[in-house]
Amino acid sequence: MSEWTVYILRCADDTLYTGITTDLAQRLEKHADGSGAKYTRGRGPFAVLYTETCPTKGAALKRELEIKALDRTEKLALAMVLPS
């Protein structure tokens, strides 16, 4: 059973993207080559601002929704305050 990672990316256009994965390095490659999320296509390069591990996919999906509900300032504060 693998851990899930919730992550926040800063795109080159200074927008933020939140997602989940079991393999962050592979997922970042997918975002970079344009085969990741539709939102991130053409918005690279990316910087990982925040990561958080969750024990299950359900927990990761729940946390992703919580983070997506935050406004930009709150997301940036999360990335600055909590260790990744």
PDB file of N, CA and C in Angstrom:
ATOM      1  N   MET A   1       0.848  -1.190   0.000  1.00  0.00           N
ATOM      2  CA  MET A   1       0.000   0.000   0.000  1.00  0.00           C
ATOM      3  C   MET A   1       0.885   1.241   0.000  1.00  0.00           C
ATOM      4  N   SER A   2       0.648   2.134  -0.918  1.00  0.00           N
ATOM      5  CA  SER A   2       1.504   3.309  -1.044  1.00  0.00           C
ATOM      6  C   SER A   2       0.851   4.532  -0.419  1.00  0.00           C
ATOM      7  N   GLU A   3       1.701   5.448  -0.010  1.00  0.00           N
ATOM      8  CA  GLU A   3       1.218   6.724   0.514  1.00  0.00           C
ATOM      9  C   GLU A   3       0.824   7.625  -0.639  1.00  0.00           C
ATOM     10  N   TRP A   4      -0.083   8.519  -0.375  1.00  0.00           N
ATOM     11  CA  TRP A   4      -0.506   9.519  -1.349  1.00  0.00           C
ATOM     12  C   TRP A   4       0.069  10.866  -0.960  1.00  0.00           C
ATOM     13  N   THR A   5       0.405  11.656  -1.941  1.00  0.00           N
ATOM     14  CA  THR A   5       0.941  12.998  -1.710  1.00  0.00           C
ATOM     15  C   THR A   5      -0.016  14.029  -2.280  1.00  0.00           C
ATOM     16  N   VAL A   6      -0.355  15.007  -1.460  1.00  0.00           N
ATOM     17  CA  VAL A   6      -1.115  16.181  -1.907  1.00  0.00           C
ATOM     18  C   VAL A   6      -0.066  17.261  -2.145  1.00  0.00           C
ATOM     19  N   TYR A   7      -0.161  17.972  -3.255  1.00  0.00           N
ATOM     20  CA  TYR A   7       0.871  18.957  -3.573  1.00  0.00           C
ATOM     21  C   TYR A   7       0.261  20.228  -4.151  1.00  0.00           C
ATOM     22  N   ILE A   8       0.997  21.318  -3.969  1.00  0.00           N
ATOM     23  CA  ILE A   8       0.636  22.594  -4.586  1.00  0.00           C
ATOM     24  C   ILE A   8       1.803  23.012  -5.472  1.00  0.00           C
ATOM     25  N   LEU A   9       1.495  23.319  -6.723  1.00  0.00           N
ATOM     26  CA  LEU A   9       2.492  23.820  -7.676  1.00  0.00           C
ATOM     27  C   LEU A   9       2.249  25.293  -7.942  1.00  0.00           C
ATOM     28  N   ARG A  10       3.332  26.024  -8.135  1.00  0.00           N
ATOM     29  CA  ARG A  10       3.231  27.383  -8.681  1.00  0.00           C
ATOM     30  C   ARG A  10       3.601  27.257 -10.155  1.00  0.00           C
ATOM     31  N   CYS A  11       2.696  27.673 -11.013  1.00  0.00           N
ATOM     32  CA  CYS A  11       2.926  27.621 -12.455  1.00  0.00           C
ATOM     33  C   CYS A  11       3.707  28.867 -12.886  1.00  0.00           C
ATOM     34  N   ALA A  12       4.257  28.823 -14.082  1.00  0.00           N
ATOM     35  CA  ALA A  12       5.043  29.946 -14.603  1.00  0.00           C
ATOM     36  C   ALA A  12       4.226  31.225 -14.706  1.00  0.00           C
ATOM     37  N   ASP A  13       2.907  31.097 -14.881  1.00  0.00           N
ATOM     38  CA  ASP A  13       2.050  32.284 -14.957  1.00  0.00           C
ATOM     39  C   ASP A  13       1.597  32.750 -13.567  1.00  0.00           C
ATOM     40  N   ASP A  14       2.230  32.210 -12.527  1.00  0.00           N
ATOM     41  CA  ASP A  14       2.004  32.558 -11.115  1.00  0.00           C
ATOM     42  C   ASP A  14       0.662  32.075 -10.577  1.00  0.00           C
ATOM     43  N   THR A  15      -0.005  31.163 -11.280  1.00  0.00           N
ATOM     44  CA  THR A  15      -1.207  30.543 -10.733  1.00  0.00           C
ATOM     45  C   THR A  15      -0.787  29.332  -9.901  1.00  0.00           C
ATOM     46  N   LEU A  16      -1.714  28.842  -9.083  1.00  0.00           N
ATOM     47  CA  LEU A  16      -1.444  27.693  -8.230  1.00  0.00           C
ATOM     48  C   LEU A  16      -2.293  26.515  -8.671  1.00  0.00           C
ATOM     49  N   TYR A  17      -1.716  25.326  -8.589  1.00  0.00           N
ATOM     50  CA  TYR A  17      -2.422  24.096  -8.931  1.00  0.00           C
ATOM     51  C   TYR A  17      -2.252  23.115  -7.779  1.00  0.00           C
ATOM     52  N   THR A  18      -3.326  22.481  -7.371  1.00  0.00           N
ATOM     53  CA  THR A  18      -3.287  21.484  -6.307  1.00  0.00           C
ATOM     54  C   THR A  18      -3.695  20.137  -6.876  1.00  0.00           C
ATOM     55  N   GLY A  19      -2.944  19.095  -6.533  1.00  0.00           N
ATOM     56  CA  GLY A  19      -3.259  17.760  -7.015  1.00  0.00           C
ATOM     57  C   GLY A  19      -2.805  16.695  -6.033  1.00  0.00           C
ATOM     58  N   ILE A  20      -3.057  15.429  -6.399  1.00  0.00           N
ATOM     59  CA  ILE A  20      -2.619  14.294  -5.585  1.00  0.00           C
ATOM     60  C   ILE A  20      -1.925  13.269  -6.480  1.00  0.00           C
ATOM     61  N   THR A  21      -1.058  12.475  -5.877  1.00  0.00           N
ATOM     62  CA  THR A  21      -0.341  11.443  -6.618  1.00  0.00           C
ATOM     63  C   THR A  21       0.295  10.461  -5.648  1.00  0.00           C
ATOM     64  N   THR A  22       0.704   9.297  -6.154  1.00  0.00           N
ATOM     65  CA  THR A  22       1.495   8.363  -5.357  1.00  0.00           C
ATOM     66  C   THR A  22       2.969   8.460  -5.722  1.00  0.00           C
ATOM     67  N   ASP A  23       3.283   9.177  -6.802  1.00  0.00           N
ATOM     68  CA  ASP A  23       4.664   9.326  -7.254  1.00  0.00           C
ATOM     69  C   ASP A  23       4.852  10.763  -7.757  1.00  0.00           C
ATOM     70  N   LEU A  24       5.303  11.635  -6.866  1.00  0.00           N
ATOM     71  CA  LEU A  24       5.395  13.062  -7.196  1.00  0.00           C
ATOM     72  C   LEU A  24       6.362  13.325  -8.348  1.00  0.00           C
ATOM     73  N   ALA A  25       7.508  12.673  -8.355  1.00  0.00           N
ATOM     74  CA  ALA A  25       8.484  12.906  -9.422  1.00  0.00           C
ATOM     75  C   ALA A  25       7.884  12.566 -10.789  1.00  0.00           C
ATOM     76  N   GLN A  26       7.218  11.434 -10.869  1.00  0.00           N
ATOM     77  CA  GLN A  26       6.602  11.027 -12.141  1.00  0.00           C
ATOM     78  C   GLN A  26       5.482  11.987 -12.531  1.00  0.00           C
ATOM     79  N   ARG A  27       4.706  12.428 -11.553  1.00  0.00           N
ATOM     80  CA  ARG A  27       3.608  13.345 -11.842  1.00  0.00           C
ATOM     81  C   ARG A  27       4.128  14.684 -12.339  1.00  0.00           C
ATOM     82  N   LEU A  28       5.227  15.159 -11.756  1.00  0.00           N
ATOM     83  CA  LEU A  28       5.828  16.412 -12.218  1.00  0.00           C
ATOM     84  C   LEU A  28       6.318  16.283 -13.653  1.00  0.00           C
ATOM     85  N   GLU A  29       6.865  15.122 -14.009  1.00  0.00           N
ATOM     86  CA  GLU A  29       7.274  14.887 -15.395  1.00  0.00           C
ATOM     87  C   GLU A  29       6.067  14.969 -16.322  1.00  0.00           C
ATOM     88  N   LYS A  30       4.948  14.389 -15.890  1.00  0.00           N
ATOM     89  CA  LYS A  30       3.722  14.426 -16.698  1.00  0.00           C
ATOM     90  C   LYS A  30       3.252  15.868 -16.888  1.00  0.00           C
ATOM     91  N   HIS A  31       3.281  16.657 -15.808  1.00  0.00           N
ATOM     92  CA  HIS A  31       2.890  18.063 -15.940  1.00  0.00           C
ATOM     93  C   HIS A  31       3.836  18.775 -16.919  1.00  0.00           C
ATOM     94  N   ALA A  32       5.128  18.521 -16.784  1.00  0.00           N
ATOM     95  CA  ALA A  32       6.126  19.195 -17.617  1.00  0.00           C
ATOM     96  C   ALA A  32       5.990  18.844 -19.096  1.00  0.00           C
ATOM     97  N   ASP A  33       5.654  17.585 -19.394  1.00  0.00           N
ATOM     98  CA  ASP A  33       5.566  17.197 -20.806  1.00  0.00           C
ATOM     99  C   ASP A  33       4.172  17.409 -21.408  1.00  0.00           C
ATOM    100  N   GLY A  34       3.265  17.972 -20.613  1.00  0.00           N
ATOM    101  CA  GLY A  34       1.950  18.302 -21.132  1.00  0.00           C
ATOM    102  C   GLY A  34       0.925  17.194 -21.058  1.00  0.00           C
ATOM    103  N   SER A  35       1.304  16.042 -20.478  1.00  0.00           N
ATOM    104  CA  SER A  35       0.356  14.938 -20.387  1.00  0.00           C
ATOM    105  C   SER A  35      -0.249  14.807 -18.993  1.00  0.00           C
ATOM    106  N   GLY A  36      -0.003  15.794 -18.149  1.00  0.00           N
ATOM    107  CA  GLY A  36      -0.591  15.811 -16.809  1.00  0.00           C
ATOM    108  C   GLY A  36      -1.977  16.430 -16.863  1.00  0.00           C
ATOM    109  N   ALA A  37      -2.324  17.151 -15.850  1.00  0.00           N
ATOM    110  CA  ALA A  37      -3.641  17.790 -15.781  1.00  0.00           C
ATOM    111  C   ALA A  37      -3.826  18.805 -16.905  1.00  0.00           C
ATOM    112  N   LYS A  38      -5.035  18.892 -17.409  1.00  0.00           N
ATOM    113  CA  LYS A  38      -5.334  19.832 -18.486  1.00  0.00           C
ATOM    114  C   LYS A  38      -4.985  21.263 -18.068  1.00  0.00           C
ATOM    115  N   TYR A  39      -5.253  21.613 -16.811  1.00  0.00           N
ATOM    116  CA  TYR A  39      -4.991  22.967 -16.332  1.00  0.00           C
ATOM    117  C   TYR A  39      -3.520  23.357 -16.472  1.00  0.00           C
ATOM    118  N   THR A  40      -2.618  22.424 -16.245  1.00  0.00           N
ATOM    119  CA  THR A  40      -1.193  22.762 -16.231  1.00  0.00           C
ATOM    120  C   THR A  40      -0.556  22.782 -17.623  1.00  0.00           C
ATOM    121  N   ARG A  41      -1.247  22.317 -18.634  1.00  0.00           N
ATOM    122  CA  ARG A  41      -0.675  22.308 -19.991  1.00  0.00           C
ATOM    123  C   ARG A  41      -0.330  23.726 -20.430  1.00  0.00           C
ATOM    124  N   GLY A  42       0.909  23.915 -20.816  1.00  0.00           N
ATOM    125  CA  GLY A  42       1.361  25.210 -21.296  1.00  0.00           C
ATOM    126  C   GLY A  42       1.636  26.224 -20.192  1.00  0.00           C
ATOM    127  N   ARG A  43       1.571  25.800 -18.930  1.00  0.00           N
ATOM    128  CA  ARG A  43       1.785  26.723 -17.821  1.00  0.00           C
ATOM    129  C   ARG A  43       3.119  26.484 -17.106  1.00  0.00           C
ATOM    130  N   GLY A  44       3.969  25.601 -17.624  1.00  0.00           N
ATOM    131  CA  GLY A  44       5.253  25.307 -16.982  1.00  0.00           C
ATOM    132  C   GLY A  44       6.281  26.353 -17.324  1.00  0.00           C
ATOM    133  N   PRO A  45       7.421  26.340 -16.663  1.00  0.00           N
ATOM    134  CA  PRO A  45       7.830  25.348 -15.658  1.00  0.00           C
ATOM    135  C   PRO A  45       7.113  25.568 -14.328  1.00  0.00           C
ATOM    136  N   PHE A  46       7.236  24.555 -13.463  1.00  0.00           N
ATOM    137  CA  PHE A  46       6.522  24.534 -12.203  1.00  0.00           C
ATOM    138  C   PHE A  46       7.484  24.509 -11.028  1.00  0.00           C
ATOM    139  N   ALA A  47       7.022  25.044  -9.908  1.00  0.00           N
ATOM    140  CA  ALA A  47       7.765  24.955  -8.650  1.00  0.00           C
ATOM    141  C   ALA A  47       6.841  24.302  -7.628  1.00  0.00           C
ATOM    142  N   VAL A  48       7.346  23.295  -6.942  1.00  0.00           N
ATOM    143  CA  VAL A  48       6.568  22.651  -5.889  1.00  0.00           C
ATOM    144  C   VAL A  48       6.633  23.550  -4.652  1.00  0.00           C
ATOM    145  N   LEU A  49       5.474  24.045  -4.219  1.00  0.00           N
ATOM    146  CA  LEU A  49       5.417  24.917  -3.049  1.00  0.00           C
ATOM    147  C   LEU A  49       5.130  24.150  -1.771  1.00  0.00           C
ATOM    148  N   TYR A  50       4.410  23.043  -1.890  1.00  0.00           N
ATOM    149  CA  TYR A  50       3.933  22.355  -0.690  1.00  0.00           C
ATOM    150  C   TYR A  50       3.652  20.899  -0.992  1.00  0.00           C
ATOM    151  N   THR A  51       3.978  20.022  -0.055  1.00  0.00           N
ATOM    152  CA  THR A  51       3.597  18.623  -0.144  1.00  0.00           C
ATOM    153  C   THR A  51       3.127  18.167   1.233  1.00  0.00           C
ATOM    154  N   GLU A  52       2.234  17.206   1.210  1.00  0.00           N
ATOM    155  CA  GLU A  52       1.698  16.620   2.440  1.00  0.00           C
ATOM    156  C   GLU A  52       1.348  15.169   2.124  1.00  0.00           C
ATOM    157  N   THR A  53       1.746  14.247   2.969  1.00  0.00           N
ATOM    158  CA  THR A  53       1.427  12.849   2.709  1.00  0.00           C
ATOM    159  C   THR A  53       0.170  12.434   3.452  1.00  0.00           C
ATOM    160  N   CYS A  54      -0.566  11.531   2.823  1.00  0.00           N
ATOM    161  CA  CYS A  54      -1.797  10.978   3.384  1.00  0.00           C
ATOM    162  C   CYS A  54      -1.737   9.456   3.240  1.00  0.00           C
ATOM    163  N   PRO A  55      -2.309   8.722   4.196  1.00  0.00           N
ATOM    164  CA  PRO A  55      -2.192   7.263   4.167  1.00  0.00           C
ATOM    165  C   PRO A  55      -3.044   6.565   3.109  1.00  0.00           C
ATOM    166  N   THR A  56      -4.135   7.203   2.694  1.00  0.00           N
ATOM    167  CA  THR A  56      -5.042   6.576   1.724  1.00  0.00           C
ATOM    168  C   THR A  56      -5.441   7.575   0.642  1.00  0.00           C
ATOM    169  N   LYS A  57      -5.950   7.044  -0.457  1.00  0.00           N
ATOM    170  CA  LYS A  57      -6.426   7.909  -1.537  1.00  0.00           C
ATOM    171  C   LYS A  57      -7.597   8.757  -1.058  1.00  0.00           C
ATOM    172  N   GLY A  58      -8.484   8.159  -0.280  1.00  0.00           N
ATOM    173  CA  GLY A  58      -9.625   8.905   0.241  1.00  0.00           C
ATOM    174  C   GLY A  58      -9.207  10.092   1.092  1.00  0.00           C
ATOM    175  N   ALA A  59      -8.209   9.879   1.945  1.00  0.00           N
ATOM    176  CA  ALA A  59      -7.709  10.972   2.791  1.00  0.00           C
ATOM    177  C   ALA A  59      -7.055  12.052   1.939  1.00  0.00           C
ATOM    178  N   ALA A  60      -6.335  11.637   0.904  1.00  0.00           N
ATOM    179  CA  ALA A  60      -5.682  12.606   0.014  1.00  0.00           C
ATOM    180  C   ALA A  60      -6.717  13.414  -0.754  1.00  0.00           C
ATOM    181  N   LEU A  61      -7.757  12.762  -1.253  1.00  0.00           N
ATOM    182  CA  LEU A  61      -8.812  13.475  -1.980  1.00  0.00           C
ATOM    183  C   LEU A  61      -9.524  14.477  -1.068  1.00  0.00           C
ATOM    184  N   LYS A  62      -9.771  14.071   0.170  1.00  0.00           N
ATOM    185  CA  LYS A  62     -10.415  14.970   1.125  1.00  0.00           C
ATOM    186  C   LYS A  62      -9.534  16.192   1.394  1.00  0.00           C
ATOM    187  N   ARG A  63      -8.230  15.937   1.608  1.00  0.00           N
ATOM    188  CA  ARG A  63      -7.301  17.044   1.883  1.00  0.00           C
ATOM    189  C   ARG A  63      -7.161  17.951   0.660  1.00  0.00           C
ATOM    190  N   GLU A  64      -7.132  17.354  -0.542  1.00  0.00           N
ATOM    191  CA  GLU A  64      -7.051  18.148  -1.770  1.00  0.00           C
ATOM    192  C   GLU A  64      -8.238  19.106  -1.862  1.00  0.00           C
ATOM    193  N   LEU A  65      -9.431  18.619  -1.571  1.00  0.00           N
ATOM    194  CA  LEU A  65     -10.617  19.474  -1.608  1.00  0.00           C
ATOM    195  C   LEU A  65     -10.536  20.582  -0.567  1.00  0.00           C
ATOM    196  N   GLU A  66     -10.016  20.262   0.623  1.00  0.00           N
ATOM    197  CA  GLU A  66      -9.855  21.289   1.659  1.00  0.00           C
ATOM    198  C   GLU A  66      -8.902  22.387   1.191  1.00  0.00           C
ATOM    199  N   ILE A  67      -7.797  21.978   0.582  1.00  0.00           N
ATOM    200  CA  ILE A  67      -6.815  22.958   0.103  1.00  0.00           C
ATOM    201  C   ILE A  67      -7.380  23.765  -1.056  1.00  0.00           C
ATOM    202  N   LYS A  68      -8.080  23.112  -1.976  1.00  0.00           N
ATOM    203  CA  LYS A  68      -8.664  23.823  -3.114  1.00  0.00           C
ATOM    204  C   LYS A  68      -9.702  24.848  -2.670  1.00  0.00           C
ATOM    205  N   ALA A  69     -10.317  24.632  -1.506  1.00  0.00           N
ATOM    206  CA  ALA A  69     -11.310  25.573  -0.986  1.00  0.00           C
ATOM    207  C   ALA A  69     -10.665  26.829  -0.397  1.00  0.00           C
ATOM    208  N   LEU A  70      -9.357  26.785  -0.145  1.00  0.00           N
ATOM    209  CA  LEU A  70      -8.648  27.951   0.392  1.00  0.00           C
ATOM    210  C   LEU A  70      -8.470  28.997  -0.698  1.00  0.00           C
ATOM    211  N   ASP A  71      -8.382  30.255  -0.301  1.00  0.00           N
ATOM    212  CA  ASP A  71      -8.054  31.270  -1.297  1.00  0.00           C
ATOM    213  C   ASP A  71      -6.531  31.282  -1.506  1.00  0.00           C
ATOM    214  N   ARG A  72      -6.090  32.032  -2.473  1.00  0.00           N
ATOM    215  CA  ARG A  72      -4.673  32.059  -2.844  1.00  0.00           C
ATOM    216  C   ARG A  72      -3.773  32.421  -1.662  1.00  0.00           C
ATOM    217  N   THR A  73      -4.169  33.430  -0.900  1.00  0.00           N
ATOM    218  CA  THR A  73      -3.371  33.869   0.242  1.00  0.00           C
ATOM    219  C   THR A  73      -3.232  32.749   1.269  1.00  0.00           C
ATOM    220  N   GLU A  74      -4.309  32.044   1.513  1.00  0.00           N
ATOM    221  CA  GLU A  74      -4.278  30.940   2.477  1.00  0.00           C
ATOM    222  C   GLU A  74      -3.404  29.789   1.966  1.00  0.00           C
ATOM    223  N   LYS A  75      -3.459  29.515   0.669  1.00  0.00           N
ATOM    224  CA  LYS A  75      -2.609  28.464   0.096  1.00  0.00           C
ATOM    225  C   LYS A  75      -1.134  28.827   0.223  1.00  0.00           C
ATOM    226  N   LEU A  76      -0.809  30.076  -0.064  1.00  0.00           N
ATOM    227  CA  LEU A  76       0.572  30.525   0.055  1.00  0.00           C
ATOM    228  C   LEU A  76       1.034  30.496   1.515  1.00  0.00           C
ATOM    229  N   ALA A  77       0.145  30.851   2.429  1.00  0.00           N
ATOM    230  CA  ALA A  77       0.483  30.787   3.859  1.00  0.00           C
ATOM    231  C   ALA A  77       0.718  29.349   4.287  1.00  0.00           C
ATOM    232  N   LEU A  78      -0.089  28.432   3.795  1.00  0.00           N
ATOM    233  CA  LEU A  78       0.088  27.009   4.096  1.00  0.00           C
ATOM    234  C   LEU A  78       1.468  26.551   3.633  1.00  0.00           C
ATOM    235  N   ALA A  79       1.832  26.951   2.443  1.00  0.00           N
ATOM    236  CA  ALA A  79       3.133  26.564   1.877  1.00  0.00           C
ATOM    237  C   ALA A  79       4.294  27.163   2.670  1.00  0.00           C
ATOM    238  N   MET A  80       4.093  28.335   3.246  1.00  0.00           N
ATOM    239  CA  MET A  80       5.171  29.001   3.983  1.00  0.00           C
ATOM    240  C   MET A  80       5.272  28.542   5.434  1.00  0.00           C
ATOM    241  N   VAL A  81       4.162  28.158   6.038  1.00  0.00           N
ATOM    242  CA  VAL A  81       4.140  27.869   7.466  1.00  0.00           C
ATOM    243  C   VAL A  81       4.417  26.407   7.765  1.00  0.00           C
ATOM    244  N   LEU A  82       3.790  25.517   7.036  1.00  0.00           N
ATOM    245  CA  LEU A  82       3.924  24.101   7.349  1.00  0.00           C
ATOM    246  C   LEU A  82       5.065  23.472   6.563  1.00  0.00           C
ATOM    247  N   PRO A  83       5.839  22.608   7.221  1.00  0.00           N
ATOM    248  CA  PRO A  83       6.924  21.928   6.492  1.00  0.00           C
ATOM    249  C   PRO A  83       6.362  20.982   5.476  1.00  0.00           C
ATOM    250  N   SER A  84       7.059  20.829   4.348  1.00  0.00           N
ATOM    251  CA  SER A  84       6.584  19.886   3.337  1.00  0.00           C
ATOM    252  C   SER A  84       7.150  18.523   3.574  1.00  0.00           C
TER     253      SER A  84
END
